[in-house]
Amino acid sequence: NILIKLSQDEDKNVRRGVAENENTPINILEKLSQDKEWNVITAVTENKNTPPHILEKLSQDEENPYAILYITKNPSTPIDILEQLSESEDSYVRKSVIENPSTPKEVLEKLALDKDDKIRIKLAIDARVSSPSVLAKLADDKQYIVRACVAENPNVTPDLLEKLSNDKKWYVRSIVASNPNTPTLILKTISKDKYEGIRANVACNPNTTEDVLVELAKDRDWEVRRNVALNHNTPSVMLAILANDENEKVKLSVLKNPNTPTETLIKFVNSENPVVRAWVGVNPNANSEILSKLSNDENDEVRAFAAKNPNISADILSKLANDKEPKVRQQVAQNPNVTYEIANQLSQDEDVYVRAALASNPKIDKLNLPQPKKSITPKI
């Protein structure tokens, strides 16, 4: 009775509210679908409980294009209506059909060859488009952005990737170089591309092999060498060599690589740059000797990074739990190696952010700690 009364309200916003309500009865939705205000009608089309016969009727109302557009967005819109609207002359309607999660694969693959560039671009990268023949046609598209999107599509075949790796546009080749599904042989070929951005993408690709990375480590461009330093496939021997690179950003990237050997990390423990020392401290290959030294570092960020190390010993953690800086104690509280004694101490810490960090540590469940002294924790 209340919804009936509100559906007759003189204010359009009230009627729209009724049209949006998922509990509004069908007979009221039907009445509101004939409302004089377009925004009330569009609210009916967006309601997931609006029955198909109302949506079908509104989809044929050419005087209200907004209603048609919103019908295409409703996940409850019947497939036959979506198929019909996919042939609309209005590109906005066709584009909206693409965005509907209920649109069938066959309709999407038909729209993938649409005359509108924006629609082809959107579908070329869509994981729902998997037909090799459709992707092959898009790989020949006149618009290079469409071809680049095909190169990024998770369903693109090795044959198409090989073809796109020879595309005349460097941007298309760069997308091939960054695709983790690109075969190693293709990556090896384009690792010799004249554009450094393409070589840099090959250098950071998780599928790039050691032999290719070794060659790229000698590249004249520092960004290429930096990406080699970050790649987890780069052999430790090459990481040790890159640690002596002339470019500081390349050196820093070596320290960020979890495969960098301990011997290399030791060389940077006494660096004048606190950022360098911090990345040494957080590296999982930092041994007790390194972490012990950095736990006494004058810079609080360095100590905080050391406290984050997943392999840090309980003894060093215990010392850092008494650090004067809350940010250091906060990292101790979040460390997976925290002991009962440390956690118990930090649960009573004067700093609320330290206690909040401890509360978010998944290990706390197993330590049976007493309740922290304050029950309310702030957002971090």
Protein backbone atom coordinates (compact mmCIF):
# COMPACT_ATOMS: atom_id res chain seq x y z
CA ASN A 1 0.00 0.00 0.00
CA ILE A 2 2.85 2.40 0.80
CA LEU A 3 4.65 1.62 -2.49
CA ILE A 4 1.38 2.15 -4.40
CA LYS A 5 0.94 5.52 -2.75
CA LEU A 6 4.55 6.55 -3.37
CA SER A 7 4.35 5.43 -7.01
CA GLN A 8 1.68 8.10 -7.47
CA ASP A 9 3.69 10.86 -5.81
CA GLU A 10 3.87 14.12 -7.72
CA ASP A 11 7.66 14.25 -7.35
CA LYS A 12 9.52 12.29 -10.04
CA ASN A 13 12.39 11.42 -7.67
CA VAL A 14 10.00 9.63 -5.32
CA ARG A 15 8.50 7.66 -8.21
CA ARG A 16 12.01 6.84 -9.41
CA GLY A 17 12.82 5.50 -5.95
CA VAL A 18 9.85 3.14 -6.20
CA ALA A 19 10.97 2.05 -9.67
CA GLU A 20 14.43 1.22 -8.31
CA ASN A 21 13.11 -0.78 -5.35
CA GLU A 22 13.67 -4.50 -5.88
CA ASN A 23 10.55 -5.27 -3.83
CA THR A 24 8.22 -3.19 -5.98
CA PRO A 25 5.39 -5.43 -7.34
CA ILE A 26 5.25 -6.07 -11.07
CA ASN A 27 1.93 -4.25 -11.55
CA ILE A 28 3.45 -1.04 -10.13
CA LEU A 29 6.60 -1.44 -12.28
CA GLU A 30 4.35 -1.84 -15.30
CA LYS A 31 2.56 1.40 -14.46
CA LEU A 32 5.79 3.27 -13.86
CA SER A 33 7.14 2.03 -17.22
CA GLN A 34 4.58 4.37 -18.78
CA ASP A 35 5.56 7.35 -16.62
CA LYS A 36 5.90 10.75 -18.29
CA GLU A 37 9.41 11.23 -16.86
CA TRP A 38 12.23 9.43 -18.70
CA ASN A 39 14.35 8.97 -15.55
CA VAL A 40 11.52 7.06 -13.89
CA ILE A 41 11.26 4.78 -16.91
CA THR A 42 15.00 4.17 -17.00
CA ALA A 43 14.85 3.18 -13.33
CA VAL A 44 12.31 0.52 -14.30
CA THR A 45 14.64 -0.78 -17.01
CA GLU A 46 17.51 -1.02 -14.49
CA ASN A 47 15.50 -2.95 -11.91
CA LYS A 48 16.67 -6.59 -12.04
CA ASN A 49 13.15 -7.77 -11.15
CA THR A 50 11.45 -6.03 -14.06
CA PRO A 51 9.82 -8.86 -16.08
CA PRO A 52 10.83 -9.56 -19.70
CA HIS A 53 7.54 -8.42 -21.24
CA ILE A 54 8.02 -4.89 -19.84
CA LEU A 55 11.64 -4.75 -20.99
CA GLU A 56 10.69 -6.00 -24.43
CA LYS A 57 8.01 -3.34 -24.79
CA LEU A 58 10.38 -0.57 -23.67
CA SER A 59 13.12 -1.83 -26.00
CA GLN A 60 10.87 -0.97 -28.93
CA ASP A 61 10.14 2.54 -27.70
CA GLU A 62 12.21 4.64 -30.08
CA GLU A 63 10.98 7.84 -28.46
CA ASN A 64 12.87 6.98 -25.29
CA PRO A 65 16.47 6.12 -26.27
CA TYR A 66 17.58 6.32 -22.65
CA ALA A 67 15.30 3.44 -21.72
CA ILE A 68 16.76 1.32 -24.51
CA LEU A 69 20.29 2.12 -23.37
CA TYR A 70 19.56 1.10 -19.79
CA ILE A 71 17.85 -2.10 -20.87
CA THR A 72 21.12 -3.21 -22.43
CA LYS A 73 22.83 -2.76 -19.06
CA ASN A 74 20.35 -4.85 -17.06
CA PRO A 75 21.85 -8.34 -16.42
CA SER A 76 18.29 -9.70 -16.27
CA THR A 77 17.48 -8.58 -19.81
CA PRO A 78 16.51 -11.68 -21.87
CA ILE A 79 19.06 -12.85 -24.41
CA ASP A 80 16.70 -12.40 -27.36
CA ILE A 81 16.32 -8.70 -26.52
CA LEU A 82 20.10 -8.30 -26.22
CA GLU A 83 20.51 -9.98 -29.61
CA GLN A 84 17.98 -7.60 -31.10
CA LEU A 85 19.62 -4.50 -29.57
CA SER A 86 23.06 -5.63 -30.71
CA GLU A 87 21.91 -4.72 -34.22
CA SER A 88 20.86 -1.21 -33.22
CA GLU A 89 22.04 1.63 -35.43
CA ASP A 90 23.05 3.49 -32.28
CA SER A 91 26.69 2.66 -31.45
CA TYR A 92 26.12 3.57 -27.79
CA VAL A 93 23.46 0.86 -27.57
CA ARG A 94 25.72 -1.72 -29.22
CA LYS A 95 28.58 -0.77 -26.91
CA SER A 96 26.31 -1.13 -23.89
CA VAL A 97 25.29 -4.62 -25.04
CA ILE A 98 28.97 -5.59 -24.87
CA GLU A 99 29.17 -4.51 -21.24
CA ASN A 100 26.24 -6.69 -20.19
CA PRO A 101 27.56 -9.85 -18.48
CA SER A 102 24.61 -11.83 -19.86
CA THR A 103 25.38 -11.10 -23.51
CA PRO A 104 26.08 -14.47 -25.20
CA LYS A 105 29.45 -15.23 -26.76
CA GLU A 106 27.98 -15.46 -30.26
CA VAL A 107 26.63 -11.89 -30.07
CA LEU A 108 29.96 -10.59 -28.77
CA GLU A 109 31.93 -12.24 -31.56
CA LYS A 110 29.55 -10.77 -34.12
CA LEU A 111 30.02 -7.31 -32.62
CA ALA A 112 33.79 -7.84 -32.62
CA LEU A 113 33.66 -7.06 -36.33
CA ASP A 114 31.54 -3.93 -35.82
CA LYS A 115 32.15 -0.86 -37.96
CA ASP A 116 32.70 1.25 -34.84
CA ASP A 117 36.39 1.35 -33.83
CA LYS A 118 35.63 1.72 -30.12
CA ILE A 119 33.50 -1.43 -30.10
CA ARG A 120 36.19 -3.47 -31.86
CA ILE A 121 38.81 -2.16 -29.45
CA LYS A 122 36.69 -3.11 -26.45
CA LEU A 123 36.05 -6.63 -27.71
CA ALA A 124 39.53 -7.32 -29.04
CA ILE A 125 40.79 -7.51 -25.45
CA ASP A 126 37.67 -9.11 -23.95
CA ALA A 127 38.36 -12.59 -22.55
CA ARG A 128 34.87 -13.67 -23.62
CA VAL A 129 35.97 -13.41 -27.25
CA SER A 130 37.87 -16.62 -27.88
CA SER A 131 37.12 -17.63 -31.47
CA PRO A 132 40.44 -18.00 -33.34
CA SER A 133 38.82 -16.85 -36.58
CA VAL A 134 37.39 -13.69 -34.99
CA LEU A 135 40.69 -12.85 -33.29
CA ALA A 136 42.51 -13.48 -36.58
CA LYS A 137 40.29 -10.91 -38.33
CA LEU A 138 40.87 -8.41 -35.53
CA ALA A 139 44.61 -9.01 -35.79
CA ASP A 140 44.36 -7.64 -39.35
CA ASP A 141 42.33 -4.60 -38.28
CA LYS A 142 43.25 -1.26 -39.83
CA GLN A 143 43.40 0.32 -36.36
CA TYR A 144 46.65 -0.53 -34.62
CA ILE A 145 45.01 -0.16 -31.17
CA VAL A 146 42.66 -3.02 -32.09
CA ARG A 147 45.63 -5.17 -33.08
CA ALA A 148 47.39 -4.28 -29.83
CA CYS A 149 44.31 -5.33 -27.86
CA VAL A 150 44.31 -8.69 -29.64
CA ALA A 151 47.92 -9.14 -28.54
CA GLU A 152 46.74 -8.65 -24.94
CA ASN A 153 43.72 -10.95 -25.21
CA PRO A 154 44.22 -14.01 -22.93
CA ASN A 155 42.86 -16.24 -25.71
CA VAL A 156 45.24 -15.10 -28.44
CA THR A 157 46.99 -18.02 -30.12
CA PRO A 158 50.79 -18.38 -30.49
CA ASP A 159 50.42 -18.05 -34.26
CA LEU A 160 48.72 -14.67 -33.91
CA LEU A 161 51.28 -13.51 -31.37
CA GLU A 162 54.03 -14.38 -33.82
CA LYS A 163 52.25 -12.43 -36.53
CA LEU A 164 51.70 -9.42 -34.27
CA SER A 165 55.33 -9.52 -33.14
CA ASN A 166 56.17 -8.40 -36.68
CA ASP A 167 53.57 -5.61 -36.75
CA LYS A 168 54.73 -2.35 -38.31
CA LYS A 169 53.58 -0.41 -35.24
CA TRP A 170 56.05 -0.57 -32.34
CA TYR A 171 53.18 -0.30 -29.81
CA VAL A 172 51.64 -3.57 -31.01
CA ARG A 173 55.00 -5.32 -30.74
CA SER A 174 55.47 -3.91 -27.23
CA ILE A 175 52.20 -5.51 -26.10
CA VAL A 176 53.33 -8.85 -27.53
CA ALA A 177 56.58 -8.42 -25.59
CA SER A 178 54.72 -7.88 -22.30
CA ASN A 179 52.16 -10.70 -22.72
CA PRO A 180 53.08 -13.48 -20.23
CA ASN A 181 51.67 -16.03 -22.66
CA THR A 182 54.01 -15.07 -25.48
CA PRO A 183 56.16 -18.13 -26.37
CA THR A 184 59.83 -17.96 -25.45
CA LEU A 185 61.01 -18.19 -29.06
CA ILE A 186 59.00 -15.10 -30.01
CA LEU A 187 60.35 -13.24 -26.99
CA LYS A 188 63.87 -14.16 -28.03
CA THR A 189 63.29 -12.74 -31.51
CA ILE A 190 61.79 -9.44 -30.41
CA SER A 191 64.40 -9.02 -27.68
CA LYS A 192 66.54 -7.67 -30.53
CA ASP A 193 63.96 -5.04 -31.57
CA LYS A 194 65.38 -1.59 -32.29
CA TYR A 195 62.97 0.08 -29.84
CA GLU A 196 64.21 0.02 -26.26
CA GLY A 197 60.65 0.00 -24.86
CA ILE A 198 60.03 -3.36 -26.53
CA ARG A 199 63.29 -4.80 -25.25
CA ALA A 200 62.39 -3.49 -21.78
CA ASN A 201 59.05 -5.31 -21.90
CA VAL A 202 60.79 -8.54 -22.90
CA ALA A 203 63.18 -8.04 -19.99
CA CYS A 204 60.35 -7.96 -17.44
CA ASN A 205 58.27 -10.74 -19.02
CA PRO A 206 58.03 -13.74 -16.63
CA ASN A 207 58.30 -16.06 -19.63
CA THR A 208 61.67 -14.73 -20.79
CA THR A 209 64.42 -17.33 -20.50
CA GLU A 210 67.80 -16.97 -18.79
CA ASP A 211 69.82 -16.83 -22.01
CA VAL A 212 67.76 -13.91 -23.33
CA LEU A 213 68.00 -12.08 -20.00
CA VAL A 214 71.76 -12.49 -19.95
CA GLU A 215 71.97 -10.78 -23.35
CA LEU A 216 69.55 -8.02 -22.33
CA ALA A 217 71.62 -7.38 -19.20
CA LYS A 218 74.24 -5.94 -21.57
CA ASP A 219 71.75 -3.58 -23.24
CA ARG A 220 72.78 0.05 -23.71
CA ASP A 221 69.47 1.27 -22.27
CA TRP A 222 69.35 1.43 -18.45
CA GLU A 223 65.59 0.69 -18.31
CA VAL A 224 66.15 -2.60 -20.10
CA ARG A 225 68.90 -3.52 -17.63
CA ARG A 226 66.69 -2.43 -14.71
CA ASN A 227 63.93 -4.79 -15.82
CA VAL A 228 66.43 -7.61 -16.16
CA ALA A 229 67.50 -6.90 -12.58
CA LEU A 230 63.88 -7.19 -11.43
CA ASN A 231 63.06 -10.36 -13.37
CA HIS A 232 62.88 -13.44 -11.15
CA ASN A 233 64.31 -15.58 -13.97
CA THR A 234 67.58 -13.66 -14.03
CA PRO A 235 70.40 -15.93 -12.79
CA SER A 236 72.14 -14.91 -9.56
CA VAL A 237 75.47 -14.61 -11.38
CA MET A 238 74.03 -11.94 -13.63
CA LEU A 239 72.41 -10.17 -10.69
CA ALA A 240 75.83 -9.95 -9.05
CA ILE A 241 77.19 -8.30 -12.23
CA LEU A 242 74.26 -5.86 -12.46
CA ALA A 243 74.89 -4.87 -8.84
CA ASN A 244 77.94 -3.02 -10.21
CA ASP A 245 75.97 -1.20 -12.91
CA GLU A 246 76.74 2.47 -13.47
CA ASN A 247 73.07 3.35 -13.04
CA GLU A 248 71.81 3.62 -9.45
CA LYS A 249 68.28 2.53 -10.37
CA VAL A 250 69.62 -0.70 -11.84
CA LYS A 251 71.57 -1.38 -8.64
CA LEU A 252 68.50 -0.72 -6.50
CA SER A 253 66.45 -3.11 -8.64
CA VAL A 254 68.99 -5.86 -8.01
CA LEU A 255 68.38 -5.45 -4.28
CA LYS A 256 64.61 -5.80 -4.84
CA ASN A 257 65.03 -9.16 -6.58
CA PRO A 258 64.35 -12.05 -4.14
CA ASN A 259 66.98 -14.15 -5.92
CA THR A 260 69.86 -11.78 -5.29
CA PRO A 261 72.54 -13.78 -3.41
CA THR A 262 73.54 -12.92 0.15
CA GLU A 263 77.11 -12.17 -0.94
CA THR A 264 75.82 -9.38 -3.18
CA LEU A 265 73.57 -7.94 -0.47
CA ILE A 266 76.47 -7.73 2.01
CA LYS A 267 78.27 -5.29 -0.31
CA PHE A 268 75.48 -2.73 0.17
CA VAL A 269 74.97 -2.94 3.93
CA ASN A 270 77.21 0.08 4.48
CA SER A 271 75.81 2.15 1.62
CA GLU A 272 75.44 5.87 2.34
CA ASN A 273 71.97 5.77 0.79
CA PRO A 274 69.34 4.71 3.37
CA VAL A 275 67.00 3.58 0.58
CA VAL A 276 69.63 1.07 -0.55
CA ARG A 277 70.14 -0.20 3.00
CA ALA A 278 66.37 -0.52 3.44
CA TRP A 279 65.99 -2.77 0.38
CA VAL A 280 68.90 -4.89 1.57
CA GLY A 281 67.10 -5.37 4.86
CA VAL A 282 63.82 -6.53 3.38
CA ASN A 283 65.38 -8.93 0.86
CA PRO A 284 64.58 -12.56 1.87
CA ASN A 285 68.22 -13.53 1.32
CA ALA A 286 69.48 -11.12 3.95
CA ASN A 287 71.12 -13.28 6.62
CA SER A 288 71.23 -12.77 10.40
CA GLU A 289 74.49 -10.85 10.17
CA ILE A 290 72.94 -8.32 7.77
CA LEU A 291 69.69 -8.02 9.70
CA SER A 292 71.48 -7.65 13.03
CA LYS A 293 73.51 -4.75 11.66
CA LEU A 294 70.54 -3.04 10.02
CA SER A 295 68.44 -3.41 13.17
CA ASN A 296 70.86 -0.88 14.72
CA ASP A 297 70.74 1.47 11.74
CA GLU A 298 70.40 5.18 12.52
CA ASN A 299 67.59 5.49 9.98
CA ASP A 300 64.16 4.38 11.22
CA GLU A 301 62.98 3.42 7.71
CA VAL A 302 65.91 1.02 7.40
CA ARG A 303 65.05 -0.57 10.74
CA ALA A 304 61.39 -0.80 9.72
CA PHE A 305 62.28 -2.56 6.47
CA ALA A 306 64.48 -5.01 8.36
CA ALA A 307 61.56 -5.70 10.70
CA LYS A 308 59.47 -6.69 7.66
CA ASN A 309 61.91 -9.41 6.57
CA PRO A 310 60.12 -12.80 6.59
CA ASN A 311 63.30 -14.59 7.68
CA ILE A 312 64.26 -12.36 10.58
CA SER A 313 65.06 -14.17 13.84
CA ALA A 314 62.99 -13.90 17.01
CA ASP A 315 65.97 -12.37 18.84
CA ILE A 316 66.27 -9.46 16.41
CA LEU A 317 62.50 -9.03 16.32
CA SER A 318 62.47 -8.88 20.11
CA LYS A 319 65.01 -6.06 20.04
CA LEU A 320 63.08 -4.14 17.38
CA ALA A 321 59.87 -4.58 19.39
CA ASN A 322 61.42 -2.09 21.82
CA ASP A 323 62.36 0.40 19.13
CA LYS A 324 61.54 4.02 19.97
CA GLU A 325 59.83 4.52 16.60
CA PRO A 326 56.21 3.25 16.34
CA LYS A 327 56.64 2.54 12.59
CA VAL A 328 59.35 -0.01 13.43
CA ARG A 329 57.26 -1.69 16.14
CA GLN A 330 54.34 -1.73 13.70
CA GLN A 331 56.35 -3.80 11.23
CA VAL A 332 57.40 -6.15 14.03
CA ALA A 333 53.73 -6.61 14.93
CA GLN A 334 52.92 -7.65 11.35
CA ASN A 335 55.87 -10.01 10.93
CA PRO A 336 54.89 -13.71 10.56
CA ASN A 337 57.72 -14.71 12.90
CA VAL A 338 56.33 -12.81 15.87
CA THR A 339 56.49 -14.88 19.08
CA TYR A 340 54.01 -15.06 21.94
CA GLU A 341 56.26 -12.91 24.13
CA ILE A 342 56.67 -10.21 21.50
CA ALA A 343 53.00 -10.22 20.57
CA ASN A 344 51.95 -10.07 24.21
CA GLN A 345 54.19 -7.04 24.72
CA LEU A 346 52.94 -5.25 21.60
CA SER A 347 49.29 -5.96 22.42
CA GLN A 348 49.80 -3.47 25.27
CA ASP A 349 51.76 -0.97 23.15
CA GLU A 350 50.97 2.68 23.77
CA ASP A 351 50.63 3.30 20.03
CA VAL A 352 47.23 2.34 18.64
CA TYR A 353 48.61 1.68 15.16
CA VAL A 354 51.03 -0.88 16.55
CA ARG A 355 48.16 -2.69 18.29
CA ALA A 356 46.07 -2.47 15.11
CA ALA A 357 48.94 -3.96 13.08
CA LEU A 358 49.21 -6.81 15.57
CA ALA A 359 45.47 -7.43 15.34
CA SER A 360 45.76 -7.87 11.55
CA ASN A 361 48.57 -10.46 11.84
CA PRO A 362 47.06 -13.86 10.85
CA LYS A 363 49.39 -15.66 13.26
CA ILE A 364 47.80 -14.01 16.31
CA ASP A 365 44.94 -16.50 16.24
CA LYS A 366 47.34 -19.27 17.23
CA LEU A 367 49.06 -17.42 20.06
CA ASN A 368 46.12 -17.19 22.52
CA LEU A 369 46.97 -13.64 23.58
CA PRO A 370 45.06 -11.69 26.22
CA GLN A 371 42.75 -8.95 24.94
CA PRO A 372 44.52 -5.71 23.96
CA LYS A 373 43.93 -2.82 26.34
CA LYS A 374 41.70 -0.97 23.84
CA SER A 375 39.02 -2.65 21.80
CA ILE A 376 38.60 0.05 19.16
CA THR A 377 41.20 0.20 16.42
CA PRO A 378 41.43 3.01 13.88
CA LYS A 379 41.64 2.71 10.14
CA ILE A 380 45.17 2.38 8.88
